[in-house]
Protein backbone atom coordinates (compact mmCIF):
# COMPACT_ATOMS: atom_id res chain seq x y z
CA MET A 1 20.65 -5.11 7.82
CA THR A 2 17.93 -2.92 9.32
CA THR A 3 15.16 -4.31 11.51
CA MET A 4 12.63 -3.48 8.79
CA LEU A 5 14.52 -5.52 6.20
CA ARG A 6 14.90 -8.47 8.59
CA ARG A 7 11.14 -8.49 9.15
CA LEU A 8 10.46 -8.18 5.44
CA ALA A 9 12.84 -11.00 4.57
CA ALA A 10 11.22 -13.26 7.17
CA VAL A 11 7.73 -12.52 5.90
CA LEU A 12 8.69 -13.02 2.26
CA ALA A 13 10.30 -16.33 3.16
CA THR A 14 7.06 -17.70 4.58
CA SER A 15 4.20 -16.04 2.76
CA SER A 16 3.12 -13.36 0.35
CA ILE A 17 2.13 -10.03 1.86
CA LEU A 18 -1.27 -9.08 0.55
CA VAL A 19 -4.35 -7.15 1.51
CA THR A 20 -7.48 -9.20 2.07
CA GLY A 21 -10.14 -7.11 3.79
CA CYS A 22 -10.50 -3.74 2.09
CA GLY A 23 -14.19 -3.16 2.38
CA ALA A 24 -17.58 -4.79 2.38
CA ALA A 25 -20.24 -3.48 0.04
CA THR A 26 -23.99 -3.79 0.26
CA ASP A 27 -25.74 -6.12 -2.17
CA ASP A 28 -26.81 -3.28 -4.45
CA SER A 29 -23.51 -1.38 -4.45
CA ALA A 30 -21.35 -1.34 -7.57
CA PRO A 31 -17.59 -1.84 -7.42
CA PRO A 32 -15.56 1.23 -8.38
CA PRO A 33 -14.23 1.14 -11.93
CA GLY A 34 -10.55 0.54 -12.49
CA PRO A 35 -7.93 -0.71 -14.92
CA ALA A 36 -8.01 -4.28 -16.19
CA VAL A 37 -6.80 -7.04 -13.90
CA SER A 38 -3.18 -8.00 -14.47
CA GLN A 39 -2.48 -11.74 -14.53
CA SER A 40 1.24 -11.37 -15.26
CA VAL A 41 2.80 -11.67 -11.80
CA ALA A 42 2.13 -14.45 -9.31
CA ALA A 43 2.13 -13.79 -5.57
CA ALA A 44 5.06 -16.09 -4.86
CA PRO A 45 7.93 -15.49 -2.44
CA PRO A 46 11.05 -14.08 -4.12
CA ALA A 47 13.41 -16.77 -5.39
CA ASN A 48 16.52 -15.09 -4.00
CA LEU A 49 16.13 -13.78 -0.47
CA ASP A 50 19.87 -13.09 -0.20
CA SER A 51 19.35 -9.91 -2.20
CA VAL A 52 16.81 -8.77 0.39
CA ARG A 53 18.97 -9.65 3.38
CA GLU A 54 22.07 -8.00 1.91
CA PHE A 55 20.31 -4.93 0.54
CA GLN A 56 22.06 -1.63 1.22
CA SER A 57 20.51 1.56 -0.12
CA VAL A 58 22.77 3.90 -2.10
CA ARG A 59 20.77 6.78 -0.62
CA GLU A 60 21.90 8.14 2.74
CA GLN A 61 19.46 7.02 5.42
CA ARG A 62 17.62 10.03 6.75
CA ASP A 63 16.26 10.32 10.24
CA THR A 64 12.65 10.71 9.14
CA ALA A 65 9.96 11.06 11.78
CA PRO A 66 6.91 8.79 11.56
CA PRO A 67 4.10 9.95 9.27
CA ALA A 68 1.17 11.81 10.78
CA ARG A 69 -0.98 13.01 7.89
CA ILE A 70 -1.63 12.34 4.20
CA THR A 71 -2.86 14.79 1.57
CA ILE A 72 -3.91 13.77 -1.96
CA PRO A 73 -5.29 16.86 -3.75
CA ALA A 74 -6.56 14.93 -6.80
CA LEU A 75 -8.84 12.87 -4.54
CA GLY A 76 -9.75 15.60 -2.05
CA ILE A 77 -8.03 13.69 0.76
CA ASP A 78 -6.49 15.45 3.77
CA ALA A 79 -6.51 13.04 6.70
CA PRO A 80 -4.53 11.79 9.70
CA LEU A 81 -2.69 8.48 9.44
CA SER A 82 -3.17 5.57 11.81
CA TYR A 83 -0.66 2.71 12.10
CA THR A 84 -1.19 -0.98 11.31
CA GLY A 85 1.06 -4.06 11.14
CA LEU A 86 0.67 -7.73 10.19
CA ASN A 87 -2.04 -10.25 11.03
CA PRO A 88 -0.95 -13.68 12.38
CA ASP A 89 -1.24 -15.14 8.86
CA ASN A 90 1.17 -12.52 7.45
CA THR A 91 -1.52 -10.57 5.62
CA LEU A 92 -1.58 -6.85 6.19
CA ALA A 93 -3.82 -5.72 9.02
CA VAL A 94 -6.33 -3.30 7.55
CA PRO A 95 -7.31 -0.01 9.18
CA GLU A 96 -10.67 0.82 10.68
CA PHE A 97 -13.31 2.02 8.25
CA GLY A 98 -12.82 5.74 7.66
CA ASP A 99 -9.09 5.57 8.49
CA ILE A 100 -6.00 5.63 6.30
CA SER A 101 -3.10 3.70 7.80
CA TRP A 102 0.65 3.35 7.40
CA TYR A 103 2.08 -0.20 7.52
CA ASP A 104 4.51 0.48 10.37
CA GLU A 105 6.54 -2.73 10.04
CA GLY A 106 7.80 -1.57 6.65
CA ALA A 107 9.65 1.49 5.42
CA THR A 108 9.01 4.90 6.92
CA PRO A 109 7.89 7.41 4.27
CA GLY A 110 10.96 9.45 3.36
CA ASN A 111 13.42 6.62 4.01
CA PRO A 112 14.58 4.25 1.25
CA GLY A 113 12.09 1.52 0.49
CA PRO A 114 8.38 1.10 -0.26
CA ALA A 115 6.15 2.52 2.49
CA GLY A 116 2.67 0.99 2.54
CA ILE A 117 -0.43 3.19 2.90
CA LEU A 118 -3.77 1.36 3.25
CA GLY A 119 -7.43 2.33 3.12
CA HIS A 120 -10.86 0.80 2.50
CA VAL A 121 -12.68 1.28 -0.79
CA ASP A 122 -16.15 1.21 0.78
CA SER A 123 -18.28 -0.17 3.59
CA ARG A 124 -21.93 -1.07 4.05
CA SER A 125 -22.62 2.62 4.65
CA GLY A 126 -21.10 3.78 1.35
CA PRO A 127 -17.78 4.89 -0.20
CA ASP A 128 -14.75 4.92 2.08
CA VAL A 129 -11.44 6.81 2.04
CA PHE A 130 -9.84 5.12 -0.99
CA TYR A 131 -13.00 4.74 -3.09
CA ARG A 132 -11.44 6.95 -5.79
CA LEU A 133 -7.90 5.60 -5.58
CA HIS A 134 -8.25 4.16 -9.10
CA GLU A 135 -8.63 7.73 -10.42
CA LEU A 136 -5.03 8.68 -9.62
CA ARG A 137 -2.83 9.30 -12.63
CA PRO A 138 0.94 9.68 -13.11
CA GLY A 139 1.93 13.17 -12.03
CA ASP A 140 -0.62 13.45 -9.21
CA THR A 141 0.96 14.20 -5.85
CA VAL A 142 0.74 12.66 -2.38
CA THR A 143 2.06 14.69 0.55
CA ILE A 144 3.03 12.97 3.80
CA THR A 145 3.38 15.25 6.81
CA THR A 146 5.54 13.76 9.57
CA THR A 147 5.10 14.05 13.32
CA GLY A 148 7.99 16.53 13.18
CA GLY A 149 6.16 18.77 10.72
CA GLU A 150 8.23 17.88 7.63
CA GLN A 151 6.28 17.65 4.37
CA LEU A 152 7.35 14.92 1.94
CA VAL A 153 5.92 15.18 -1.57
CA PHE A 154 5.60 11.98 -3.60
CA THR A 155 4.55 11.80 -7.26
CA ILE A 156 2.36 9.01 -8.64
CA THR A 157 4.23 6.94 -11.25
CA GLY A 158 1.62 4.28 -11.99
CA ILE A 159 -1.49 2.46 -10.85
CA GLU A 160 -2.24 -1.25 -11.23
CA GLN A 161 -5.01 -3.71 -10.44
CA HIS A 162 -4.23 -7.34 -9.57
CA ALA A 163 -6.26 -10.31 -8.43
CA LYS A 164 -5.59 -10.92 -4.73
CA ALA A 165 -4.62 -14.50 -5.55
CA LEU A 166 -1.91 -13.10 -7.83
CA PHE A 167 -0.74 -10.22 -5.66
CA PRO A 168 2.61 -8.89 -7.02
CA THR A 169 4.55 -9.26 -3.78
CA GLU A 170 7.99 -8.58 -5.23
CA GLU A 171 6.93 -5.53 -7.23
CA VAL A 172 5.17 -4.01 -4.24
CA TRP A 173 7.35 -4.90 -1.26
CA LEU A 174 10.94 -5.66 -2.24
CA PRO A 175 13.37 -2.93 -1.09
CA THR A 176 14.03 0.07 -3.33
CA PRO A 177 17.05 2.41 -3.16
CA GLU A 178 14.82 5.49 -3.10
CA PRO A 179 11.84 6.43 -0.90
CA GLU A 180 8.58 5.23 -2.46
CA LEU A 181 4.92 4.78 -1.53
CA ARG A 182 2.45 1.99 -2.18
CA LEU A 183 -1.18 3.06 -1.72
CA ILE A 184 -3.39 -0.03 -1.57
CA THR A 185 -7.11 -0.72 -1.50
CA CYS A 186 -9.60 -3.19 -3.00
CA GLY A 187 -11.36 -3.17 -6.35
CA GLY A 188 -12.67 -5.29 -9.18
CA GLU A 189 -15.58 -7.71 -8.85
CA PHE A 190 -17.26 -8.08 -5.47
CA ASP A 191 -17.37 -11.64 -4.11
CA GLN A 192 -20.65 -11.94 -2.19
CA GLY A 193 -19.62 -15.24 -0.61
CA ALA A 194 -16.36 -13.87 0.75
CA ASP A 195 -17.89 -10.43 1.47
CA SER A 196 -14.86 -8.83 -0.17
CA TYR A 197 -13.57 -7.57 -3.50
CA ARG A 198 -11.48 -9.98 -5.55
CA ASP A 199 -8.70 -7.56 -6.49
CA ASN A 200 -6.29 -5.01 -5.07
CA ILE A 201 -5.69 -1.59 -6.59
CA ILE A 202 -2.14 -0.35 -6.02
CA ALA A 203 -0.82 3.16 -6.68
CA PHE A 204 2.96 3.59 -6.93
CA ALA A 205 4.69 6.87 -6.02
CA GLU A 206 8.25 8.18 -5.71
CA LEU A 207 9.61 10.95 -3.47
CA THR A 208 10.16 14.14 -5.45
CA THR A 209 10.62 16.85 -2.81
């Protein structure tokens, strides 16, 4: 089993992977609109970790270089990628405001598995990089340019909104036989007490070229 899958299995065995700090709005800012919150999937560890530990992709593993840049024409995004990992409590470390980051303890974009791409929805100074993530629609494209200059084109297949307390860990992070992306930010109602949005918005994409 690859190092990435060992790490993922260990994390799933102890805690759900979720995004907590995606932005902090001012008191008079309005949350971005988005689809209705899904209450159908609980953020519980998978019942059968053996399938994670024994996973073998049917796709030949490619020697893909790390990602360097992301382009999303539908959102007017063309930006470099930073790298982030896990916090001590097994939540995803979020990028700096203004940055879009790749979760570098997961799959590399272009290799089998779900590669995580993270960005803030807003900050106290206004909209941030993924403020319009909820506007993506199936068929929109996301291009990842690697450090080696290769361009990997992914196509959006769906977008969902879930309460953070019910983050769909299995749907988002369990291994997949094909290269996929998970673009994640915050959304929904803003919790003034927690200084954070209550939900996560997740865009799903599959490698097409």
